[in-house]
N, C-alpha and C. Protein backbone atom coordinates (compact mmCIF):
# COMPACT_ATOMS: atom_id res chain seq x y z
N MET A 1 -15.38 -42.91 48.16
CA MET A 1 -16.20 -44.03 48.45
C MET A 1 -17.49 -43.50 49.08
N ASP A 2 -18.59 -43.56 48.38
CA ASP A 2 -19.86 -43.08 48.90
C ASP A 2 -20.53 -44.16 49.76
N TYR A 3 -21.32 -43.71 50.73
CA TYR A 3 -22.08 -44.58 51.62
C TYR A 3 -21.16 -45.54 52.38
N PHE A 4 -20.12 -44.98 52.97
CA PHE A 4 -19.12 -45.75 53.72
C PHE A 4 -19.32 -45.52 55.21
N GLU A 5 -19.18 -46.58 56.01
CA GLU A 5 -19.18 -46.44 57.46
C GLU A 5 -18.14 -47.37 58.07
N LEU A 6 -17.39 -46.83 59.01
CA LEU A 6 -16.43 -47.60 59.78
C LEU A 6 -16.77 -47.37 61.25
N SER A 7 -16.95 -48.45 62.02
CA SER A 7 -17.34 -48.25 63.41
C SER A 7 -16.88 -49.39 64.31
N ASP A 8 -16.83 -49.07 65.60
CA ASP A 8 -16.64 -50.03 66.67
C ASP A 8 -15.36 -50.86 66.56
N LEU A 9 -14.21 -50.18 66.51
CA LEU A 9 -12.95 -50.90 66.48
C LEU A 9 -11.82 -50.02 66.98
N THR A 10 -10.67 -50.65 67.21
CA THR A 10 -9.44 -49.95 67.56
C THR A 10 -8.46 -50.10 66.41
N VAL A 11 -7.85 -49.00 66.00
CA VAL A 11 -6.83 -49.04 64.94
C VAL A 11 -5.48 -48.75 65.59
N ASP A 12 -4.56 -49.70 65.50
CA ASP A 12 -3.20 -49.52 65.98
C ASP A 12 -2.33 -49.17 64.78
N CYS A 13 -1.91 -47.92 64.68
CA CYS A 13 -1.10 -47.47 63.53
C CYS A 13 0.32 -48.00 63.59
N ASN A 14 0.76 -48.48 64.77
CA ASN A 14 2.00 -49.21 64.93
C ASN A 14 3.25 -48.43 64.56
N LEU A 15 3.26 -47.13 64.82
CA LEU A 15 4.46 -46.34 64.52
C LEU A 15 5.60 -46.68 65.48
N MET A 16 5.33 -47.38 66.56
CA MET A 16 6.37 -47.72 67.53
C MET A 16 7.44 -48.62 66.93
N ILE A 17 7.10 -49.39 65.91
CA ILE A 17 8.08 -50.25 65.24
C ILE A 17 8.85 -49.39 64.24
N PRO A 18 10.18 -49.31 64.34
CA PRO A 18 10.94 -48.47 63.41
C PRO A 18 10.76 -48.92 61.96
N THR A 19 10.64 -47.95 61.08
CA THR A 19 10.51 -48.27 59.66
C THR A 19 11.88 -48.33 59.01
N ALA A 20 11.99 -49.08 57.95
CA ALA A 20 13.28 -49.22 57.26
C ALA A 20 13.76 -47.87 56.73
N ALA A 21 12.87 -47.10 56.15
CA ALA A 21 13.24 -45.81 55.57
C ALA A 21 13.36 -44.74 56.64
N GLY A 22 12.70 -44.93 57.79
CA GLY A 22 12.74 -43.92 58.84
C GLY A 22 11.96 -42.67 58.47
N ASN A 23 11.10 -42.76 57.47
CA ASN A 23 10.36 -41.60 56.98
C ASN A 23 8.90 -42.01 56.80
N ALA A 24 8.16 -42.15 57.90
CA ALA A 24 6.79 -42.68 57.83
C ALA A 24 5.78 -41.69 58.39
N VAL A 25 4.59 -41.73 57.82
CA VAL A 25 3.44 -40.99 58.33
C VAL A 25 2.36 -42.03 58.56
N CYS A 26 1.95 -42.20 59.82
CA CYS A 26 1.02 -43.28 60.17
C CYS A 26 -0.26 -42.72 60.75
N GLY A 27 -1.30 -42.68 59.92
CA GLY A 27 -2.64 -42.31 60.35
C GLY A 27 -3.54 -43.53 60.23
N ALA A 28 -4.80 -43.37 60.62
CA ALA A 28 -5.69 -44.53 60.69
C ALA A 28 -6.65 -44.63 59.52
N VAL A 29 -7.38 -43.56 59.22
CA VAL A 29 -8.46 -43.62 58.25
C VAL A 29 -8.41 -42.38 57.36
N GLN A 30 -8.49 -42.59 56.07
CA GLN A 30 -8.66 -41.49 55.13
C GLN A 30 -9.62 -41.95 54.05
N VAL A 31 -10.79 -41.34 54.02
CA VAL A 31 -11.85 -41.72 53.09
C VAL A 31 -12.31 -40.48 52.34
N MET A 32 -12.48 -40.62 51.04
CA MET A 32 -13.02 -39.52 50.24
C MET A 32 -14.36 -39.96 49.69
N GLY A 33 -15.39 -39.16 49.93
CA GLY A 33 -16.70 -39.50 49.38
C GLY A 33 -17.83 -38.78 50.08
N ASN A 34 -19.02 -39.07 49.65
CA ASN A 34 -20.24 -38.52 50.22
C ASN A 34 -20.90 -39.58 51.10
N TYR A 35 -21.62 -39.14 52.11
CA TYR A 35 -22.33 -40.04 53.03
C TYR A 35 -21.35 -41.00 53.72
N ALA A 36 -20.19 -40.50 54.09
CA ALA A 36 -19.18 -41.31 54.79
C ALA A 36 -19.23 -40.97 56.27
N ARG A 37 -19.10 -41.98 57.12
CA ARG A 37 -19.16 -41.76 58.55
C ARG A 37 -18.17 -42.68 59.25
N VAL A 38 -17.45 -42.11 60.21
CA VAL A 38 -16.54 -42.86 61.07
C VAL A 38 -17.02 -42.64 62.50
N ARG A 39 -17.33 -43.71 63.20
CA ARG A 39 -17.88 -43.56 64.55
C ARG A 39 -17.37 -44.65 65.49
N ARG A 40 -17.24 -44.26 66.74
CA ARG A 40 -16.84 -45.15 67.82
C ARG A 40 -15.57 -45.96 67.50
N ILE A 41 -14.50 -45.25 67.10
CA ILE A 41 -13.21 -45.93 66.94
C ILE A 41 -12.19 -45.28 67.87
N LYS A 42 -11.17 -46.03 68.19
CA LYS A 42 -10.04 -45.54 68.98
C LYS A 42 -8.80 -45.76 68.13
N VAL A 43 -7.94 -44.74 68.07
CA VAL A 43 -6.70 -44.81 67.28
C VAL A 43 -5.53 -44.67 68.23
N ILE A 44 -4.57 -45.60 68.13
CA ILE A 44 -3.40 -45.57 68.99
C ILE A 44 -2.12 -45.68 68.16
N ASN A 45 -1.01 -45.24 68.75
CA ASN A 45 0.33 -45.34 68.16
C ASN A 45 0.44 -44.66 66.80
N TRP A 46 -0.19 -43.50 66.65
CA TRP A 46 -0.14 -42.74 65.41
C TRP A 46 0.92 -41.66 65.53
N GLY A 47 1.40 -41.17 64.40
CA GLY A 47 2.39 -40.10 64.42
C GLY A 47 3.12 -40.00 63.11
N SER A 48 4.24 -39.28 63.14
CA SER A 48 5.00 -39.00 61.93
C SER A 48 6.48 -39.02 62.23
N ASN A 49 7.25 -39.58 61.32
CA ASN A 49 8.71 -39.52 61.39
C ASN A 49 9.25 -38.58 60.33
N SER A 50 8.36 -37.80 59.71
CA SER A 50 8.80 -36.91 58.62
C SER A 50 8.11 -35.56 58.75
N ALA A 51 8.41 -34.69 57.82
CA ALA A 51 7.80 -33.36 57.81
C ALA A 51 6.49 -33.33 57.04
N LYS A 52 6.07 -34.46 56.47
CA LYS A 52 4.80 -34.50 55.74
C LYS A 52 3.64 -34.29 56.70
N PRO A 53 2.56 -33.63 56.25
CA PRO A 53 1.38 -33.48 57.12
C PRO A 53 0.73 -34.82 57.43
N LEU A 54 0.20 -34.94 58.63
CA LEU A 54 -0.46 -36.16 59.06
C LEU A 54 -1.90 -35.86 59.42
N PHE A 55 -2.82 -36.67 58.91
CA PHE A 55 -4.23 -36.63 59.28
C PHE A 55 -4.55 -37.99 59.88
N VAL A 56 -4.84 -38.04 61.18
CA VAL A 56 -5.07 -39.31 61.86
C VAL A 56 -6.38 -39.93 61.38
N VAL A 57 -7.47 -39.19 61.42
CA VAL A 57 -8.76 -39.62 60.87
C VAL A 57 -9.23 -38.49 59.97
N CYS A 58 -9.42 -38.80 58.69
CA CYS A 58 -9.71 -37.77 57.71
C CYS A 58 -10.86 -38.20 56.79
N LEU A 59 -11.91 -37.39 56.76
CA LEU A 59 -12.99 -37.58 55.79
C LEU A 59 -12.91 -36.44 54.80
N VAL A 60 -12.54 -36.76 53.59
CA VAL A 60 -12.47 -35.75 52.53
C VAL A 60 -13.81 -35.78 51.82
N MET A 61 -14.58 -34.74 52.01
CA MET A 61 -15.92 -34.71 51.43
C MET A 61 -15.84 -34.31 49.97
N ALA A 62 -16.14 -35.27 49.10
CA ALA A 62 -16.05 -35.05 47.65
C ALA A 62 -17.13 -34.07 47.22
N ASP A 63 -16.83 -33.32 46.18
CA ASP A 63 -17.85 -32.47 45.62
C ASP A 63 -17.87 -32.66 44.12
N ASP A 64 -19.03 -32.75 43.58
CA ASP A 64 -19.24 -33.00 42.15
C ASP A 64 -19.30 -31.65 41.44
N ALA A 65 -18.42 -31.44 40.49
CA ALA A 65 -18.37 -30.16 39.78
C ALA A 65 -19.62 -29.90 38.96
N SER A 66 -20.41 -30.94 38.69
CA SER A 66 -21.60 -30.76 37.86
C SER A 66 -22.83 -30.31 38.66
N THR A 67 -22.71 -30.19 39.97
CA THR A 67 -23.85 -29.80 40.78
C THR A 67 -23.45 -28.76 41.81
N THR A 68 -24.39 -27.98 42.25
CA THR A 68 -24.11 -26.99 43.28
C THR A 68 -24.65 -27.43 44.64
N ALA A 69 -25.20 -28.64 44.72
CA ALA A 69 -25.74 -29.14 45.99
C ALA A 69 -24.60 -29.42 46.96
N PRO A 70 -24.78 -29.03 48.22
CA PRO A 70 -23.71 -29.28 49.20
C PRO A 70 -23.62 -30.76 49.57
N VAL A 71 -22.46 -31.16 50.04
CA VAL A 71 -22.25 -32.52 50.51
C VAL A 71 -22.96 -32.66 51.85
N THR A 72 -23.67 -33.76 52.04
CA THR A 72 -24.40 -33.95 53.29
C THR A 72 -24.09 -35.29 53.92
N ASN A 73 -24.36 -35.38 55.22
CA ASN A 73 -24.31 -36.61 55.98
C ASN A 73 -22.93 -37.26 56.03
N CYS A 74 -21.89 -36.46 56.21
CA CYS A 74 -20.55 -36.97 56.46
C CYS A 74 -20.18 -36.58 57.88
N GLY A 75 -19.47 -37.45 58.57
CA GLY A 75 -19.09 -37.04 59.91
C GLY A 75 -18.21 -38.01 60.65
N ILE A 76 -17.66 -37.48 61.74
CA ILE A 76 -16.81 -38.23 62.65
C ILE A 76 -17.49 -38.13 64.01
N GLU A 77 -17.83 -39.27 64.62
CA GLU A 77 -18.54 -39.27 65.89
C GLU A 77 -17.86 -40.21 66.88
N GLU A 78 -17.72 -39.77 68.11
CA GLU A 78 -17.20 -40.59 69.20
C GLU A 78 -15.88 -41.27 68.84
N VAL A 79 -14.95 -40.51 68.28
CA VAL A 79 -13.64 -41.01 67.87
C VAL A 79 -12.59 -40.40 68.79
N ILE A 80 -11.65 -41.22 69.26
CA ILE A 80 -10.56 -40.71 70.06
C ILE A 80 -9.23 -41.15 69.45
N ALA A 81 -8.25 -40.27 69.52
CA ALA A 81 -6.89 -40.55 69.06
C ALA A 81 -5.99 -40.37 70.28
N ILE A 82 -5.52 -41.50 70.84
CA ILE A 82 -4.71 -41.45 72.05
C ILE A 82 -3.38 -42.18 71.82
N SER A 83 -2.49 -42.07 72.77
CA SER A 83 -1.19 -42.74 72.73
C SER A 83 -0.41 -42.46 71.45
N PRO A 84 -0.17 -41.18 71.14
CA PRO A 84 0.60 -40.89 69.93
C PRO A 84 2.06 -41.32 70.09
N ALA A 85 2.67 -41.69 68.98
CA ALA A 85 4.11 -41.96 68.97
C ALA A 85 4.82 -40.60 68.88
N SER A 86 6.10 -40.59 69.01
CA SER A 86 6.85 -39.35 68.90
C SER A 86 6.75 -38.80 67.49
N SER A 87 6.70 -37.48 67.39
CA SER A 87 6.72 -36.81 66.10
C SER A 87 7.73 -35.68 66.19
N PRO A 88 8.35 -35.31 65.05
CA PRO A 88 9.34 -34.23 65.09
C PRO A 88 8.72 -32.91 65.50
N SER A 89 9.53 -32.08 66.11
CA SER A 89 9.07 -30.75 66.49
C SER A 89 8.64 -29.98 65.25
N GLY A 90 7.50 -29.36 65.32
CA GLY A 90 7.00 -28.59 64.18
C GLY A 90 6.24 -29.41 63.15
N ALA A 91 6.03 -30.70 63.40
CA ALA A 91 5.27 -31.54 62.46
C ALA A 91 3.82 -31.07 62.42
N THR A 92 3.22 -31.06 61.24
CA THR A 92 1.82 -30.67 61.08
C THR A 92 0.95 -31.90 61.26
N ILE A 93 0.19 -31.92 62.36
CA ILE A 93 -0.65 -33.07 62.67
C ILE A 93 -2.07 -32.60 62.94
N THR A 94 -3.03 -33.21 62.25
CA THR A 94 -4.44 -32.95 62.47
C THR A 94 -5.06 -34.27 62.92
N ALA A 95 -5.61 -34.30 64.13
CA ALA A 95 -6.17 -35.55 64.65
C ALA A 95 -7.46 -35.93 63.94
N LEU A 96 -8.42 -35.02 63.84
CA LEU A 96 -9.71 -35.30 63.22
C LEU A 96 -10.02 -34.22 62.19
N HIS A 97 -10.29 -34.63 60.95
CA HIS A 97 -10.58 -33.67 59.88
C HIS A 97 -11.76 -34.17 59.05
N ALA A 98 -12.72 -33.29 58.82
CA ALA A 98 -13.82 -33.55 57.88
C ALA A 98 -14.01 -32.28 57.09
N GLY A 99 -13.73 -32.32 55.81
CA GLY A 99 -13.84 -31.11 55.01
C GLY A 99 -13.44 -31.36 53.58
N PRO A 100 -13.36 -30.29 52.79
CA PRO A 100 -13.03 -30.43 51.38
C PRO A 100 -11.59 -30.85 51.14
N ALA A 101 -11.33 -31.36 49.96
CA ALA A 101 -9.98 -31.83 49.60
C ALA A 101 -8.94 -30.73 49.75
N ALA A 102 -9.31 -29.50 49.45
CA ALA A 102 -8.35 -28.39 49.52
C ALA A 102 -7.81 -28.20 50.94
N ASP A 103 -8.59 -28.54 51.95
CA ASP A 103 -8.15 -28.38 53.33
C ASP A 103 -7.33 -29.55 53.85
N SER A 104 -7.29 -30.65 53.14
CA SER A 104 -6.65 -31.86 53.67
C SER A 104 -5.33 -32.19 52.99
N GLY A 105 -4.86 -31.36 52.10
CA GLY A 105 -3.63 -31.65 51.41
C GLY A 105 -3.79 -32.59 50.25
N GLN A 106 -5.02 -33.01 49.94
CA GLN A 106 -5.31 -33.89 48.81
C GLN A 106 -5.63 -33.04 47.59
N SER A 107 -5.39 -33.60 46.44
CA SER A 107 -5.72 -32.87 45.22
C SER A 107 -6.51 -33.74 44.28
């Protein structure tokens, strides 16, 4: 999603409520695109009940194979991730990520 902005809100991922399957990964924002920005948000009750990797706030900066120009103007500003829910020992959790798809587990 190009030219995306999310700002000035609180996201409650609500992992505190047990899931039926008991196998949940609860993050707040995952956007893929150019010129995407997430600013001034607070994320609460995030976490994982599984071994899957978790990205609480993730900007996957898309790259166009037809051009060599770098991706510009993507970012995460003034974002906090507090009050995590319990996660299993050894769970892979990244609170804030902005980078290429290869680094985020996306394909």
